[in-house]
Protein backbone atom coordinates (compact mmCIF):
# COMPACT_ATOMS: atom_id res chain seq x y z
CA UNK A 1 0.00 0.00 0.00
CA UNK A 2 1.49 3.40 -0.93
CA UNK A 3 2.34 5.69 1.97
CA UNK A 4 1.55 9.41 2.10
CA UNK A 5 3.46 11.33 4.77
CA UNK A 6 1.08 13.87 6.34
CA UNK A 7 3.57 15.25 8.87
CA UNK A 8 7.20 14.61 9.69
CA UNK A 9 9.75 16.27 11.91
CA UNK A 10 13.00 15.18 13.51
CA UNK A 11 14.73 17.10 16.29
CA UNK A 12 17.45 16.42 18.82
CA UNK A 13 15.82 16.90 22.24
CA UNK A 14 16.74 16.22 25.85
CA UNK A 15 15.29 13.08 27.42
CA UNK A 16 13.14 15.22 29.73
CA UNK A 17 11.75 17.21 26.75
CA UNK A 18 10.91 13.96 24.94
CA UNK A 19 9.19 12.68 28.11
CA UNK A 20 7.16 15.89 28.39
CA UNK A 21 6.09 15.61 24.74
CA UNK A 22 5.06 11.97 25.20
CA UNK A 23 3.14 12.90 28.38
CA UNK A 24 1.18 15.49 26.39
CA UNK A 25 0.35 12.86 23.76
CA UNK A 26 -0.67 10.43 26.52
CA UNK A 27 -2.95 13.04 28.12
CA UNK A 28 -4.63 13.77 24.77
CA UNK A 29 -5.18 10.05 24.18
CA UNK A 30 -6.53 9.53 27.69
CA UNK A 31 -8.97 12.44 27.39
CA UNK A 32 -10.21 11.28 23.97
CA UNK A 33 -9.12 14.53 22.35
CA UNK A 34 -7.70 15.08 18.89
CA UNK A 35 -3.94 15.10 18.39
CA UNK A 36 -2.66 18.17 16.57
CA UNK A 37 0.97 17.93 15.49
CA UNK A 38 2.68 21.11 14.35
CA UNK A 39 6.19 22.24 13.54
CA UNK A 40 7.07 25.29 11.48
CA UNK A 41 4.55 25.59 8.65
CA UNK A 42 3.40 21.96 8.98
CA UNK A 43 0.31 20.94 10.93
CA UNK A 44 -2.01 17.94 10.99
CA UNK A 45 -4.90 17.02 13.31
CA UNK A 46 -5.76 13.37 13.87
CA UNK A 47 -8.61 11.74 15.82
CA UNK A 48 -7.43 8.33 17.06
CA UNK A 49 -10.20 5.83 17.84
CA UNK A 50 -10.78 4.42 21.31
CA UNK A 51 -8.65 1.35 20.50
CA UNK A 52 -5.92 2.03 17.94
CA UNK A 53 -3.22 -0.54 17.26
CA UNK A 54 -0.10 0.37 19.24
CA UNK A 55 3.22 -0.83 17.78
CA UNK A 56 6.54 -0.64 19.60
CA UNK A 57 9.71 -1.47 17.71
CA UNK A 58 13.37 -1.42 18.75
CA UNK A 59 15.84 -1.47 15.84
CA UNK A 60 19.55 -1.47 15.11
CA UNK A 61 20.61 -0.06 11.74
CA UNK A 62 24.07 -1.12 10.67
CA UNK A 63 25.84 0.97 8.03
CA UNK A 64 27.33 -0.81 5.04
CA UNK A 65 30.83 0.50 5.76
CA UNK A 66 31.10 -1.33 9.09
CA UNK A 67 31.07 1.82 11.26
CA UNK A 68 28.96 2.25 14.39
CA UNK A 69 25.27 1.55 13.96
CA UNK A 70 22.23 3.51 15.07
CA UNK A 71 19.71 2.32 17.65
CA UNK A 72 16.11 3.46 17.74
CA UNK A 73 12.83 2.82 19.49
CA UNK A 74 9.65 3.67 17.60
CA UNK A 75 6.14 4.10 18.99
CA UNK A 76 3.34 4.00 16.43
CA UNK A 77 -0.43 4.33 16.69
CA UNK A 78 -2.27 2.92 13.72
CA UNK A 79 -5.92 2.68 12.71
CA UNK A 80 -8.03 2.34 9.60
CA UNK A 81 -9.51 5.54 8.23
CA UNK A 82 -12.86 3.77 7.87
CA UNK A 83 -12.99 3.13 11.63
CA UNK A 84 -11.93 -0.54 11.60
CA UNK A 85 -9.32 -1.75 14.04
CA UNK A 86 -5.89 -3.16 13.32
CA UNK A 87 -4.20 -6.35 14.41
CA UNK A 88 -3.57 -7.57 17.91
CA UNK A 89 -0.48 -8.93 19.59
CA UNK A 90 0.79 -9.97 23.00
CA UNK A 91 0.63 -7.84 26.11
CA UNK A 92 3.11 -4.93 26.18
CA UNK A 93 5.15 -4.03 29.25
CA UNK A 94 7.79 -1.33 29.71
CA UNK A 95 10.21 -1.74 32.60
PDB file of N, CA and C in Angstrom:
ATOM      1  N   UNK A   1       0.849  -1.166   0.000  1.00  0.00           N
ATOM      2  CA  UNK A   1       0.000   0.000   0.000  1.00  0.00           C
ATOM      3  C   UNK A   1       0.900   1.236   0.000  1.00  0.00           C
ATOM      4  N   UNK A   2       0.671   2.184  -0.904  1.00  0.00           N
ATOM      5  CA  UNK A   2       1.490   3.399  -0.932  1.00  0.00           C
ATOM      6  C   UNK A   2       1.310   4.205   0.358  1.00  0.00           C
ATOM      7  N   UNK A   3       2.353   4.891   0.744  1.00  0.00           N
ATOM      8  CA  UNK A   3       2.336   5.686   1.965  1.00  0.00           C
ATOM      9  C   UNK A   3       2.391   7.167   1.615  1.00  0.00           C
ATOM     10  N   UNK A   4       1.547   7.957   2.256  1.00  0.00           N
ATOM     11  CA  UNK A   4       1.554   9.413   2.099  1.00  0.00           C
ATOM     12  C   UNK A   4       1.923  10.011   3.450  1.00  0.00           C
ATOM     13  N   UNK A   5       3.029  10.705   3.524  1.00  0.00           N
ATOM     14  CA  UNK A   5       3.459  11.330   4.772  1.00  0.00           C
ATOM     15  C   UNK A   5       2.666  12.621   4.965  1.00  0.00           C
ATOM     16  N   UNK A   6       1.892  12.691   6.042  1.00  0.00           N
ATOM     17  CA  UNK A   6       1.079  13.866   6.342  1.00  0.00           C
ATOM     18  C   UNK A   6       1.826  14.876   7.198  1.00  0.00           C
ATOM     19  N   UNK A   7       2.795  14.397   7.972  1.00  0.00           N
ATOM     20  CA  UNK A   7       3.566  15.250   8.874  1.00  0.00           C
ATOM     21  C   UNK A   7       4.842  14.509   9.228  1.00  0.00           C
ATOM     22  N   UNK A   8       5.954  15.226   9.275  1.00  0.00           N
ATOM     23  CA  UNK A   8       7.203  14.613   9.687  1.00  0.00           C
ATOM     24  C   UNK A   8       8.139  15.680  10.218  1.00  0.00           C
ATOM     25  N   UNK A   9       8.746  15.388  11.343  1.00  0.00           N
ATOM     26  CA  UNK A   9       9.751  16.271  11.906  1.00  0.00           C
ATOM     27  C   UNK A   9      10.753  15.418  12.670  1.00  0.00           C
ATOM     28  N   UNK A  10      11.964  15.899  12.768  1.00  0.00           N
ATOM     29  CA  UNK A  10      13.005  15.184  13.506  1.00  0.00           C
ATOM     30  C   UNK A  10      13.876  16.221  14.190  1.00  0.00           C
ATOM     31  N   UNK A  11      13.979  16.124  15.507  1.00  0.00           N
ATOM     32  CA  UNK A  11      14.730  17.098  16.294  1.00  0.00           C
ATOM     33  C   UNK A  11      15.527  16.384  17.372  1.00  0.00           C
ATOM     34  N   UNK A  12      16.698  16.892  17.664  1.00  0.00           N
ATOM     35  CA  UNK A  12      17.455  16.416  18.820  1.00  0.00           C
ATOM     36  C   UNK A  12      16.871  17.132  20.035  1.00  0.00           C
ATOM     37  N   UNK A  13      16.450  16.360  21.043  1.00  0.00           N
ATOM     38  CA  UNK A  13      15.820  16.903  22.239  1.00  0.00           C
ATOM     39  C   UNK A  13      16.405  16.207  23.461  1.00  0.00           C
ATOM     40  N   UNK A  14      16.317  16.864  24.609  1.00  0.00           N
ATOM     41  CA  UNK A  14      16.743  16.220  25.845  1.00  0.00           C
ATOM     42  C   UNK A  14      15.737  15.113  26.199  1.00  0.00           C
ATOM     43  N   UNK A  15      16.187  14.160  26.995  1.00  0.00           N
ATOM     44  CA  UNK A  15      15.291  13.082  27.416  1.00  0.00           C
ATOM     45  C   UNK A  15      14.079  13.636  28.153  1.00  0.00           C
ATOM     46  N   UNK A  16      14.278  14.668  28.991  1.00  0.00           N
ATOM     47  CA  UNK A  16      13.137  15.219  29.732  1.00  0.00           C
ATOM     48  C   UNK A  16      12.152  15.932  28.793  1.00  0.00           C
ATOM     49  N   UNK A  17      12.644  16.582  27.727  1.00  0.00           N
ATOM     50  CA  UNK A  17      11.748  17.207  26.749  1.00  0.00           C
ATOM     51  C   UNK A  17      10.958  16.154  25.972  1.00  0.00           C
ATOM     52  N   UNK A  18      11.619  15.057  25.620  1.00  0.00           N
ATOM     53  CA  UNK A  18      10.915  13.959  24.942  1.00  0.00           C
ATOM     54  C   UNK A  18       9.828  13.407  25.860  1.00  0.00           C
ATOM     55  N   UNK A  19      10.163  13.199  27.143  1.00  0.00           N
ATOM     56  CA  UNK A  19       9.190  12.680  28.106  1.00  0.00           C
ATOM     57  C   UNK A  19       7.994  13.621  28.242  1.00  0.00           C
ATOM     58  N   UNK A  20       8.246  14.923  28.287  1.00  0.00           N
ATOM     59  CA  UNK A  20       7.156  15.892  28.389  1.00  0.00           C
ATOM     60  C   UNK A  20       6.257  15.838  27.159  1.00  0.00           C
ATOM     61  N   UNK A  21       6.864  15.702  25.985  1.00  0.00           N
ATOM     62  CA  UNK A  21       6.091  15.611  24.744  1.00  0.00           C
ATOM     63  C   UNK A  21       5.220  14.348  24.756  1.00  0.00           C
ATOM     64  N   UNK A  22       5.816  13.223  25.145  1.00  0.00           N
ATOM     65  CA  UNK A  22       5.063  11.971  25.198  1.00  0.00           C
ATOM     66  C   UNK A  22       3.950  12.031  26.247  1.00  0.00           C
ATOM     67  N   UNK A  23       4.197  12.728  27.365  1.00  0.00           N
ATOM     68  CA  UNK A  23       3.143  12.897  28.382  1.00  0.00           C
ATOM     69  C   UNK A  23       1.962  13.674  27.803  1.00  0.00           C
ATOM     70  N   UNK A  24       2.253  14.707  27.014  1.00  0.00           N
ATOM     71  CA  UNK A  24       1.177  15.486  26.388  1.00  0.00           C
ATOM     72  C   UNK A  24       0.367  14.608  25.439  1.00  0.00           C
ATOM     73  N   UNK A  25       1.055  13.794  24.653  1.00  0.00           N
ATOM     74  CA  UNK A  25       0.349  12.864  23.760  1.00  0.00           C
ATOM     75  C   UNK A  25      -0.506  11.906  24.589  1.00  0.00           C
ATOM     76  N   UNK A  26       0.061  11.369  25.666  1.00  0.00           N
ATOM     77  CA  UNK A  26      -0.674  10.432  26.524  1.00  0.00           C
ATOM     78  C   UNK A  26      -1.927  11.088  27.116  1.00  0.00           C
ATOM     79  N   UNK A  27      -1.802  12.336  27.558  1.00  0.00           N
ATOM     80  CA  UNK A  27      -2.951  13.043  28.119  1.00  0.00           C
ATOM     81  C   UNK A  27      -4.039  13.249  27.078  1.00  0.00           C
ATOM     82  N   UNK A  28      -3.648  13.593  25.848  1.00  0.00           N
ATOM     83  CA  UNK A  28      -4.632  13.770  24.772  1.00  0.00           C
ATOM     84  C   UNK A  28      -5.347  12.460  24.478  1.00  0.00           C
ATOM     85  N   UNK A  29      -4.576  11.355  24.434  1.00  0.00           N
ATOM     86  CA  UNK A  29      -5.184  10.049  24.184  1.00  0.00           C
ATOM     87  C   UNK A  29      -6.146   9.674  25.307  1.00  0.00           C
ATOM     88  N   UNK A  30      -5.711   9.892  26.538  1.00  0.00           N
ATOM     89  CA  UNK A  30      -6.533   9.526  27.692  1.00  0.00           C
ATOM     90  C   UNK A  30      -7.832  10.321  27.744  1.00  0.00           C
ATOM     91  N   UNK A  31      -7.781  11.592  27.344  1.00  0.00           N
ATOM     92  CA  UNK A  31      -8.972  12.439  27.388  1.00  0.00           C
ATOM     93  C   UNK A  31      -9.890  12.228  26.185  1.00  0.00           C
ATOM     94  N   UNK A  32      -9.400  11.500  25.166  1.00  0.00           N
ATOM     95  CA  UNK A  32     -10.212  11.278  23.973  1.00  0.00           C
ATOM     96  C   UNK A  32     -10.146  12.435  22.987  1.00  0.00           C
ATOM     97  N   UNK A  33      -9.229  13.367  23.223  1.00  0.00           N
ATOM     98  CA  UNK A  33      -9.125  14.528  22.345  1.00  0.00           C
ATOM     99  C   UNK A  33      -8.360  14.242  21.063  1.00  0.00           C
ATOM    100  N   UNK A  34      -8.475  15.156  20.122  1.00  0.00           N
ATOM    101  CA  UNK A  34      -7.701  15.084  18.888  1.00  0.00           C
ATOM    102  C   UNK A  34      -6.223  15.321  19.195  1.00  0.00           C
ATOM    103  N   UNK A  35      -5.368  14.828  18.312  1.00  0.00           N
ATOM    104  CA  UNK A  35      -3.937  15.100  18.386  1.00  0.00           C
ATOM    105  C   UNK A  35      -3.598  16.051  17.253  1.00  0.00           C
ATOM    106  N   UNK A  36      -3.118  17.230  17.591  1.00  0.00           N
ATOM    107  CA  UNK A  36      -2.656  18.165  16.570  1.00  0.00           C
ATOM    108  C   UNK A  36      -1.145  18.244  16.663  1.00  0.00           C
ATOM    109  N   UNK A  37      -0.482  17.884  15.582  1.00  0.00           N
ATOM    110  CA  UNK A  37       0.970  17.935  15.486  1.00  0.00           C
ATOM    111  C   UNK A  37       1.335  19.140  14.650  1.00  0.00           C
ATOM    112  N   UNK A  38       2.270  19.951  15.132  1.00  0.00           N
ATOM    113  CA  UNK A  38       2.676  21.110  14.349  1.00  0.00           C
ATOM    114  C   UNK A  38       4.149  21.397  14.576  1.00  0.00           C
ATOM    115  N   UNK A  39       4.798  21.836  13.517  1.00  0.00           N
ATOM    116  CA  UNK A  39       6.195  22.242  13.542  1.00  0.00           C
ATOM    117  C   UNK A  39       6.406  23.148  12.337  1.00  0.00           C
ATOM    118  N   UNK A  40       6.878  24.361  12.592  1.00  0.00           N
ATOM    119  CA  UNK A  40       7.074  25.294  11.482  1.00  0.00           C
ATOM    120  C   UNK A  40       5.766  25.551  10.764  1.00  0.00           C
ATOM    121  N   UNK A  41       5.767  25.358   9.433  1.00  0.00           N
ATOM    122  CA  UNK A  41       4.554  25.592   8.649  1.00  0.00           C
ATOM    123  C   UNK A  41       3.742  24.319   8.430  1.00  0.00           C
ATOM    124  N   UNK A  42       4.130  23.227   9.092  1.00  0.00           N
ATOM    125  CA  UNK A  42       3.398  21.962   8.980  1.00  0.00           C
ATOM    126  C   UNK A  42       2.418  21.819  10.136  1.00  0.00           C
ATOM    127  N   UNK A  43       1.266  21.229   9.877  1.00  0.00           N
ATOM    128  CA  UNK A  43       0.308  20.936  10.931  1.00  0.00           C
ATOM    129  C   UNK A  43      -0.659  19.871  10.433  1.00  0.00           C
ATOM    130  N   UNK A  44      -1.006  18.939  11.314  1.00  0.00           N
ATOM    131  CA  UNK A  44      -2.013  17.937  10.991  1.00  0.00           C
ATOM    132  C   UNK A  44      -2.760  17.597  12.282  1.00  0.00           C
ATOM    133  N   UNK A  45      -4.067  17.416  12.169  1.00  0.00           N
ATOM    134  CA  UNK A  45      -4.897  17.019  13.308  1.00  0.00           C
ATOM    135  C   UNK A  45      -5.467  15.645  13.020  1.00  0.00           C
ATOM    136  N   UNK A  46      -5.298  14.752  13.998  1.00  0.00           N
ATOM    137  CA  UNK A  46      -5.764  13.374  13.868  1.00  0.00           C
ATOM    138  C   UNK A  46      -6.700  13.051  15.030  1.00  0.00           C
ATOM    139  N   UNK A  47      -7.643  12.156  14.789  1.00  0.00           N
ATOM    140  CA  UNK A  47      -8.611  11.742  15.815  1.00  0.00           C
ATOM    141  C   UNK A  47      -8.502  10.236  16.002  1.00  0.00           C
ATOM    142  N   UNK A  48      -7.584   9.772  16.871  1.00  0.00           N
ATOM    143  CA  UNK A  48      -7.434   8.327  17.062  1.00  0.00           C
ATOM    144  C   UNK A  48      -8.697   7.720  17.667  1.00  0.00           C
ATOM    145  N   UNK A  49      -9.035   6.498  17.261  1.00  0.00           N
ATOM    146  CA  UNK A  49     -10.198   5.828  17.835  1.00  0.00           C
ATOM    147  C   UNK A  49      -9.919   5.387  19.267  1.00  0.00           C
ATOM    148  N   UNK A  50     -10.921   4.862  19.927  1.00  0.00           N
ATOM    149  CA  UNK A  50     -10.778   4.416  21.314  1.00  0.00           C
ATOM    150  C   UNK A  50      -9.760   3.289  21.459  1.00  0.00           C
ATOM    151  N   UNK A  51      -9.590   2.465  20.419  1.00  0.00           N
ATOM    152  CA  UNK A  51      -8.652   1.347  20.503  1.00  0.00           C
ATOM    153  C   UNK A  51      -7.801   1.239  19.242  1.00  0.00           C
ATOM    154  N   UNK A  52      -6.834   2.150  19.087  1.00  0.00           N
ATOM    155  CA  UNK A  52      -5.924   2.026  17.937  1.00  0.00           C
ATOM    156  C   UNK A  52      -4.955   0.877  18.165  1.00  0.00           C
ATOM    157  N   UNK A  53      -4.303   0.433  17.123  1.00  0.00           N
ATOM    158  CA  UNK A  53      -3.222  -0.539  17.257  1.00  0.00           C
ATOM    159  C   UNK A  53      -1.980   0.227  17.688  1.00  0.00           C
ATOM    160  N   UNK A  54      -1.297  -0.277  18.708  1.00  0.00           N
ATOM    161  CA  UNK A  54      -0.098   0.366  19.237  1.00  0.00           C
ATOM    162  C   UNK A  54       1.084  -0.539  18.953  1.00  0.00           C
ATOM    163  N   UNK A  55       2.030  -0.042  18.166  1.00  0.00           N
ATOM    164  CA  UNK A  55       3.216  -0.827  17.785  1.00  0.00           C
ATOM    165  C   UNK A  55       4.443  -0.214  18.429  1.00  0.00           C
ATOM    166  N   UNK A  56       5.261  -1.063  19.040  1.00  0.00           N
ATOM    167  CA  UNK A  56       6.535  -0.636  19.604  1.00  0.00           C
ATOM    168  C   UNK A  56       7.612  -1.462  18.929  1.00  0.00           C
ATOM    169  N   UNK A  57       8.644  -0.779  18.442  1.00  0.00           N
ATOM    170  CA  UNK A  57       9.709  -1.473  17.714  1.00  0.00           C
ATOM    171  C   UNK A  57      11.049  -0.920  18.152  1.00  0.00           C
ATOM    172  N   UNK A  58      11.987  -1.808  18.478  1.00  0.00           N
ATOM    173  CA  UNK A  58      13.373  -1.422  18.745  1.00  0.00           C
ATOM    174  C   UNK A  58      14.209  -1.952  17.589  1.00  0.00           C
ATOM    175  N   UNK A  59      15.067  -1.094  17.021  1.00  0.00           N
ATOM    176  CA  UNK A  59      15.843  -1.473  15.837  1.00  0.00           C
ATOM    177  C   UNK A  59      17.312  -1.100  15.994  1.00  0.00           C
ATOM    178  N   UNK A  60      18.147  -1.826  15.274  1.00  0.00           N
ATOM    179  CA  UNK A  60      19.551  -1.466  15.108  1.00  0.00           C
ATOM    180  C   UNK A  60      19.793  -1.387  13.608  1.00  0.00           C
ATOM    181  N   UNK A  61      20.245  -0.225  13.145  1.00  0.00           N
ATOM    182  CA  UNK A  61      20.613  -0.057  11.738  1.00  0.00           C
ATOM    183  C   UNK A  61      22.127  -0.084  11.654  1.00  0.00           C
ATOM    184  N   UNK A  62      22.630  -0.978  10.832  1.00  0.00           N
ATOM    185  CA  UNK A  62      24.070  -1.123  10.672  1.00  0.00           C
ATOM    186  C   UNK A  62      24.480  -0.550   9.326  1.00  0.00           C
ATOM    187  N   UNK A  63      25.410   0.400   9.313  1.00  0.00           N
ATOM    188  CA  UNK A  63      25.843   0.971   8.033  1.00  0.00           C
ATOM    189  C   UNK A  63      26.639  -0.048   7.226  1.00  0.00           C
ATOM    190  N   UNK A  64      26.610   0.104   5.921  1.00  0.00           N
ATOM    191  CA  UNK A  64      27.325  -0.815   5.037  1.00  0.00           C
ATOM    192  C   UNK A  64      28.828  -0.769   5.198  1.00  0.00           C
ATOM    193  N   UNK A  65      29.391   0.353   5.633  1.00  0.00           N
ATOM    194  CA  UNK A  65      30.834   0.504   5.761  1.00  0.00           C
ATOM    195  C   UNK A  65      31.419  -0.103   7.021  1.00  0.00           C
ATOM    196  N   UNK A  66      30.599  -0.690   7.888  1.00  0.00           N
ATOM    197  CA  UNK A  66      31.104  -1.329   9.085  1.00  0.00           C
ATOM    198  C   UNK A  66      31.317  -0.395  10.266  1.00  0.00           C
ATOM    199  N   UNK A  67      30.935   0.874  10.155  1.00  0.00           N
ATOM    200  CA  UNK A  67      31.071   1.816  11.261  1.00  0.00           C
ATOM    201  C   UNK A  67      30.021   1.553  12.329  1.00  0.00           C
ATOM    202  N   UNK A  68      29.951   2.442  13.328  1.00  0.00           N
ATOM    203  CA  UNK A  68      28.964   2.253  14.388  1.00  0.00           C
ATOM    204  C   UNK A  68      27.538   2.364  13.847  1.00  0.00           C
ATOM    205  N   UNK A  69      26.657   1.550  14.394  1.00  0.00           N
ATOM    206  CA  UNK A  69      25.269   1.549  13.965  1.00  0.00           C
ATOM    207  C   UNK A  69      24.451   2.602  14.695  1.00  0.00           C
ATOM    208  N   UNK A  70      23.166   2.582  14.438  1.00  0.00           N
ATOM    209  CA  UNK A  70      22.235   3.510  15.066  1.00  0.00           C
ATOM    210  C   UNK A  70      21.117   2.699  15.692  1.00  0.00           C
ATOM    211  N   UNK A  71      20.807   2.984  16.954  1.00  0.00           N
ATOM    212  CA  UNK A  71      19.709   2.320  17.651  1.00  0.00           C
ATOM    213  C   UNK A  71      18.502   3.242  17.682  1.00  0.00           C
ATOM    214  N   UNK A  72      17.325   2.652  17.655  1.00  0.00           N
ATOM    215  CA  UNK A  72      16.115   3.464  17.744  1.00  0.00           C
ATOM    216  C   UNK A  72      15.007   2.669  18.419  1.00  0.00           C
ATOM    217  N   UNK A  73      14.082   3.401  19.006  1.00  0.00           N
ATOM    218  CA  UNK A  73      12.834   2.821  19.490  1.00  0.00           C
ATOM    219  C   UNK A  73      11.718   3.660  18.862  1.00  0.00           C
ATOM    220  N   UNK A  74      10.744   2.985  18.300  1.00  0.00           N
ATOM    221  CA  UNK A  74       9.651   3.667  17.604  1.00  0.00           C
ATOM    222  C   UNK A  74       8.336   3.301  18.260  1.00  0.00           C
ATOM    223  N   UNK A  75       7.490   4.297  18.463  1.00  0.00           N
ATOM    224  CA  UNK A  75       6.145   4.102  18.990  1.00  0.00           C
ATOM    225  C   UNK A  75       5.184   4.544  17.900  1.00  0.00           C
ATOM    226  N   UNK A  76       4.259   3.680  17.539  1.00  0.00           N
ATOM    227  CA  UNK A  76       3.344   4.000  16.434  1.00  0.00           C
ATOM    228  C   UNK A  76       1.910   3.646  16.812  1.00  0.00           C
ATOM    229  N   UNK A  77       1.006   4.580  16.583  1.00  0.00           N
ATOM    230  CA  UNK A  77      -0.431   4.327  16.689  1.00  0.00           C
ATOM    231  C   UNK A  77      -0.954   4.181  15.282  1.00  0.00           C
ATOM    232  N   UNK A  78      -1.781   3.186  15.072  1.00  0.00           N
ATOM    233  CA  UNK A  78      -2.274   2.919  13.723  1.00  0.00           C
ATOM    234  C   UNK A  78      -3.751   2.555  13.785  1.00  0.00           C
ATOM    235  N   UNK A  79      -4.514   3.037  12.807  1.00  0.00           N
ATOM    236  CA  UNK A  79      -5.921   2.683  12.706  1.00  0.00           C
ATOM    237  C   UNK A  79      -6.379   2.888  11.285  1.00  0.00           C
ATOM    238  N   UNK A  80      -7.458   2.210  10.935  1.00  0.00           N
ATOM    239  CA  UNK A  80      -8.030   2.336   9.598  1.00  0.00           C
ATOM    240  C   UNK A  80      -8.849   3.619   9.523  1.00  0.00           C
ATOM    241  N   UNK A  81      -8.746   4.304   8.406  1.00  0.00           N
ATOM    242  CA  UNK A  81      -9.514   5.540   8.233  1.00  0.00           C
ATOM    243  C   UNK A  81     -11.013   5.284   8.250  1.00  0.00           C
ATOM    244  N   UNK A  82     -11.428   4.077   7.889  1.00  0.00           N
ATOM    245  CA  UNK A  82     -12.860   3.765   7.868  1.00  0.00           C
ATOM    246  C   UNK A  82     -13.387   3.347   9.241  1.00  0.00           C
ATOM    247  N   UNK A  83     -12.526   3.434  10.283  1.00  0.00           N
ATOM    248  CA  UNK A  83     -12.987   3.135  11.635  1.00  0.00           C
ATOM    249  C   UNK A  83     -12.735   1.712  12.081  1.00  0.00           C
ATOM    250  N   UNK A  84     -12.244   0.830  11.194  1.00  0.00           N
ATOM    251  CA  UNK A  84     -11.935  -0.536  11.602  1.00  0.00           C
ATOM    252  C   UNK A  84     -10.712  -0.555  12.493  1.00  0.00           C
ATOM    253  N   UNK A  85     -10.501  -1.679  13.184  1.00  0.00           N
ATOM    254  CA  UNK A  85      -9.323  -1.753  14.039  1.00  0.00           C
ATOM    255  C   UNK A  85      -8.232  -2.551  13.351  1.00  0.00           C
ATOM    256  N   UNK A  86      -7.038  -2.449  13.878  1.00  0.00           N
ATOM    257  CA  UNK A  86      -5.892  -3.161  13.318  1.00  0.00           C
ATOM    258  C   UNK A  86      -5.706  -4.501  13.987  1.00  0.00           C
ATOM    259  N   UNK A  87      -4.508  -5.045  13.854  1.00  0.00           N
ATOM    260  CA  UNK A  87      -4.203  -6.353  14.414  1.00  0.00           C
ATOM    261  C   UNK A  87      -3.989  -6.301  15.908  1.00  0.00           C
ATOM    262  N   UNK A  88      -3.825  -7.481  16.488  1.00  0.00           N
ATOM    263  CA  UNK A  88      -3.568  -7.570  17.914  1.00  0.00           C
ATOM    264  C   UNK A  88      -2.330  -8.400  18.142  1.00  0.00           C
ATOM    265  N   UNK A  89      -1.686  -8.185  19.251  1.00  0.00           N
ATOM    266  CA  UNK A  89      -0.480  -8.926  19.594  1.00  0.00           C
ATOM    267  C   UNK A  89      -0.499  -9.267  21.066  1.00  0.00           C
ATOM    268  N   UNK A  90       0.675  -9.627  21.588  1.00  0.00           N
ATOM    269  CA  UNK A  90       0.787  -9.966  22.999  1.00  0.00           C
ATOM    270  C   UNK A  90       0.727  -8.714  23.861  1.00  0.00           C
ATOM    271  N   UNK A  91       0.687  -8.933  25.155  1.00  0.00           N
ATOM    272  CA  UNK A  91       0.628  -7.836  26.109  1.00  0.00           C
ATOM    273  C   UNK A  91       1.967  -7.090  26.151  1.00  0.00           C
ATOM    274  N   UNK A  92       1.917  -5.774  26.207  1.00  0.00           N
ATOM    275  CA  UNK A  92       3.109  -4.925  26.183  1.00  0.00           C
ATOM    276  C   UNK A  92       3.434  -4.460  27.583  1.00  0.00           C
ATOM    277  N   UNK A  93       4.699  -4.558  27.959  1.00  0.00           N
ATOM    278  CA  UNK A  93       5.154  -4.032  29.246  1.00  0.00           C
ATOM    279  C   UNK A  93       6.413  -3.226  29.021  1.00  0.00           C
ATOM    280  N   UNK A  94       6.568  -2.131  29.746  1.00  0.00           N
ATOM    281  CA  UNK A  94       7.790  -1.332  29.710  1.00  0.00           C
ATOM    282  C   UNK A  94       8.339  -1.314  31.129  1.00  0.00           C
ATOM    283  N   UNK A  95       9.591  -1.683  31.264  1.00  0.00           N
ATOM    284  CA  UNK A  95      10.208  -1.741  32.598  1.00  0.00           C
ATOM    285  C   UNK A  95      11.295  -0.725  32.713  1.00  0.00           C
TER     286      UNK A  95
END
